[in-house]
Amino acid sequence: MYILDKNFKNLFKDKFQILIDEAKKSTCLRSKCGSIIINNQEIIWYWYNSPPLDLESQRRCENPKIIYNNKVTDKTCCIHAEERAIIDALKNNSDKIKDSRLYFIRLDENNNPKYSQEPYCTICSKLALDVWIKEFVLYKKDWFYVYKTQEYNDLSFSYND
């Protein structure tokens, strides 16, 4: 893991705004998140989190009456921003996803970037690793932290809350 060079900030400014704008589109009631996949400074795909196909009929997290079966491992109704960006990149730019970099951001209640904690999402880390995304990037207090995707996956599986 390393911190992205601060000189990269000017090169990334427009892409960072796209990342924030995507997260603002989120319809998730718990957390507004966005992801962008970049390879050689080219945007491959970006997306936000929301229920499958943005269908309100698939929204489950707002209903306290829903009791999940023990076999349900993901208790959120939304598809993660990272998952959606990866899936759509595979559908539309599959030849460009290998060795790319995936950026993730979460917004606070005022739509401002919120600092990430340690890697913990095994759903996204496994998927990113399996499609040969090279690096997974989180927005943290100091700046952007870059993880090799295998390292990110290992950290996600060892996370203790």
Protein backbone atom coordinates (compact mmCIF):
# COMPACT_ATOMS: atom_id res chain seq x y z
CA MET A 1 0.00 0.00 0.00
CA TYR A 2 1.19 3.50 -0.74
CA ILE A 3 -0.21 7.03 -0.86
CA LEU A 4 -0.82 8.42 -4.32
CA ASP A 5 1.58 11.21 -5.26
CA LYS A 6 0.09 14.60 -4.34
CA ASN A 7 1.29 15.96 -7.72
CA PHE A 8 -1.26 13.61 -9.25
CA LYS A 9 -3.98 15.81 -7.76
CA ASN A 10 -4.14 18.24 -10.70
CA LEU A 11 -4.22 15.40 -13.22
CA PHE A 12 -6.97 13.66 -11.28
CA LYS A 13 -9.12 16.71 -10.40
CA ASP A 14 -11.71 16.16 -13.18
CA LYS A 15 -11.89 12.43 -12.50
CA PHE A 16 -12.28 13.07 -8.77
CA GLN A 17 -15.28 15.29 -9.54
CA ILE A 18 -16.80 12.52 -11.68
CA LEU A 19 -16.30 10.14 -8.75
CA ILE A 20 -18.11 12.54 -6.40
CA ASP A 21 -20.89 13.23 -8.93
CA GLU A 22 -21.50 9.50 -9.35
CA ALA A 23 -21.75 9.02 -5.59
CA LYS A 24 -24.31 11.86 -5.46
CA LYS A 25 -26.53 9.84 -7.84
CA SER A 26 -26.73 7.00 -5.34
CA THR A 27 -30.23 6.03 -4.28
CA CYS A 28 -29.02 3.93 -1.36
CA LEU A 29 -30.63 4.96 1.92
CA ARG A 30 -27.66 3.89 4.02
CA SER A 31 -24.63 5.23 2.20
CA LYS A 32 -23.85 7.20 -0.97
CA CYS A 33 -20.90 5.66 -2.78
CA GLY A 34 -19.23 5.99 -6.15
CA SER A 35 -16.52 4.19 -8.08
CA ILE A 36 -14.52 4.89 -11.17
CA ILE A 37 -12.23 2.52 -13.08
CA ILE A 38 -9.27 4.08 -14.87
CA ASN A 39 -6.59 2.52 -17.06
CA ASN A 40 -3.72 4.66 -18.39
CA GLN A 41 -5.59 7.86 -17.47
CA GLU A 42 -8.61 6.71 -19.51
CA ILE A 43 -11.94 6.32 -17.74
CA ILE A 44 -13.17 2.79 -18.37
CA TRP A 45 -16.40 3.03 -16.38
CA TYR A 46 -17.97 4.62 -13.31
CA TRP A 47 -21.09 4.03 -11.27
CA TYR A 48 -22.88 4.50 -7.94
CA ASN A 49 -24.63 2.17 -5.50
CA SER A 50 -28.38 1.50 -5.68
CA PRO A 51 -30.83 -1.40 -5.82
CA PRO A 52 -30.48 -3.75 -8.82
CA LEU A 53 -31.42 -1.94 -12.05
CA ASP A 54 -32.36 1.04 -9.85
CA LEU A 55 -35.67 -0.72 -9.25
CA GLU A 56 -37.52 0.53 -6.19
CA SER A 57 -39.26 -2.85 -6.05
CA GLN A 58 -35.86 -4.33 -5.14
CA ARG A 59 -35.21 -1.92 -2.26
CA ARG A 60 -35.22 -3.90 0.96
CA CYS A 61 -33.02 -2.06 3.43
CA GLU A 62 -35.67 0.48 4.42
CA ASN A 63 -38.18 -2.14 5.51
CA PRO A 64 -37.61 -3.13 9.15
CA LYS A 65 -40.15 -5.95 8.80
CA ILE A 66 -37.86 -7.92 6.53
CA ILE A 67 -36.22 -10.75 8.41
CA TYR A 68 -33.30 -12.22 6.51
CA ASN A 69 -32.69 -15.93 6.39
CA ASN A 70 -29.37 -16.93 7.97
CA LYS A 71 -28.17 -17.94 4.52
CA VAL A 72 -28.36 -14.33 3.27
CA THR A 73 -24.81 -13.01 3.70
CA ASP A 74 -25.18 -9.52 2.23
CA LYS A 75 -27.84 -7.69 4.23
CA THR A 76 -27.88 -4.62 1.97
CA CYS A 77 -30.30 -4.31 -0.90
CA CYS A 78 -27.99 -2.23 -3.04
CA ILE A 79 -25.40 -3.31 -5.52
CA HIS A 80 -22.14 -1.73 -4.49
CA ALA A 81 -20.70 1.05 -6.67
CA GLU A 82 -17.58 -1.04 -7.26
CA GLU A 83 -19.63 -4.04 -8.40
CA ARG A 84 -21.67 -1.94 -10.81
CA ALA A 85 -18.61 -0.23 -12.29
CA ILE A 86 -16.89 -3.60 -12.78
CA ILE A 87 -19.95 -5.30 -14.27
CA ASP A 88 -20.59 -2.47 -16.72
CA ALA A 89 -16.91 -2.21 -17.62
CA LEU A 90 -16.95 -5.92 -18.44
CA LYS A 91 -20.04 -5.45 -20.60
CA ASN A 92 -18.65 -2.44 -22.47
CA ASN A 93 -14.85 -2.28 -22.20
CA SER A 94 -13.78 -5.76 -21.13
CA ASP A 95 -10.46 -5.54 -22.96
CA LYS A 96 -9.46 -2.48 -20.90
CA ILE A 97 -10.24 -3.64 -17.37
CA LYS A 98 -7.10 -5.74 -16.91
CA ASP A 99 -4.41 -3.86 -14.97
CA SER A 100 -6.78 -0.95 -14.29
CA ARG A 101 -7.20 0.98 -11.08
CA LEU A 102 -10.54 1.18 -9.22
CA TYR A 103 -11.24 4.29 -7.11
CA PHE A 104 -13.90 4.29 -4.41
CA ILE A 105 -15.46 7.14 -2.45
CA ARG A 106 -18.25 7.48 0.09
CA LEU A 107 -20.07 10.74 0.79
CA ASP A 108 -21.30 12.07 4.11
CA GLU A 109 -24.83 13.34 4.76
CA ASN A 110 -23.92 16.70 3.13
CA ASN A 111 -22.56 15.06 -0.04
CA ASN A 112 -18.95 15.79 0.91
CA PRO A 113 -16.25 13.14 0.50
CA LYS A 114 -15.97 10.99 3.59
CA TYR A 115 -12.69 9.39 4.56
CA SER A 116 -12.49 5.63 4.16
CA GLN A 117 -11.33 3.37 6.92
CA GLU A 118 -9.50 0.09 6.36
CA PRO A 119 -10.48 -2.26 3.51
CA TYR A 120 -13.34 -4.53 4.55
CA CYS A 121 -15.63 -5.40 1.64
CA THR A 122 -14.87 -8.93 0.53
CA ILE A 123 -17.66 -8.82 -2.07
CA CYS A 124 -15.91 -6.07 -4.02
CA SER A 125 -12.35 -7.17 -3.28
CA LYS A 126 -12.98 -10.68 -4.62
CA LEU A 127 -14.67 -9.37 -7.75
CA ALA A 128 -11.91 -6.83 -8.47
CA LEU A 129 -9.25 -9.49 -7.99
CA ASP A 130 -11.04 -11.98 -10.22
CA VAL A 131 -11.24 -9.59 -13.20
CA TRP A 132 -7.56 -8.55 -12.94
CA ILE A 133 -8.05 -5.04 -11.63
CA LYS A 134 -4.52 -4.17 -10.58
CA GLU A 135 -5.14 -1.65 -7.81
CA PHE A 136 -7.92 -0.61 -5.45
CA VAL A 137 -7.85 2.99 -4.24
CA LEU A 138 -9.54 4.48 -1.17
CA TYR A 139 -9.92 8.17 -0.29
CA LYS A 140 -8.42 8.60 3.17
CA LYS A 141 -7.51 11.51 5.41
CA ASP A 142 -4.01 11.99 3.99
CA TRP A 143 -5.06 11.51 0.34
CA PHE A 144 -5.67 8.45 -1.86
CA TYR A 145 -4.30 5.15 -0.62
CA VAL A 146 -3.43 2.64 -3.33
CA TYR A 147 -3.59 -1.08 -2.58
CA LYS A 148 -2.58 -3.92 -4.86
CA THR A 149 -5.89 -5.73 -5.32
CA GLN A 150 -4.62 -8.97 -3.78
CA GLU A 151 -3.45 -7.01 -0.72
CA TYR A 152 -6.84 -5.26 -0.56
CA ASN A 153 -8.58 -8.64 -0.68
CA ASP A 154 -6.33 -10.06 2.06
CA LEU A 155 -6.96 -7.01 4.27
CA SER A 156 -10.72 -7.22 3.65
CA PHE A 157 -10.79 -10.83 4.82
CA SER A 158 -8.75 -10.02 7.93
CA TYR A 159 -10.80 -6.94 8.88
CA ASN A 160 -12.23 -6.92 12.41
CA ASP A 161 -14.77 -4.27 13.29
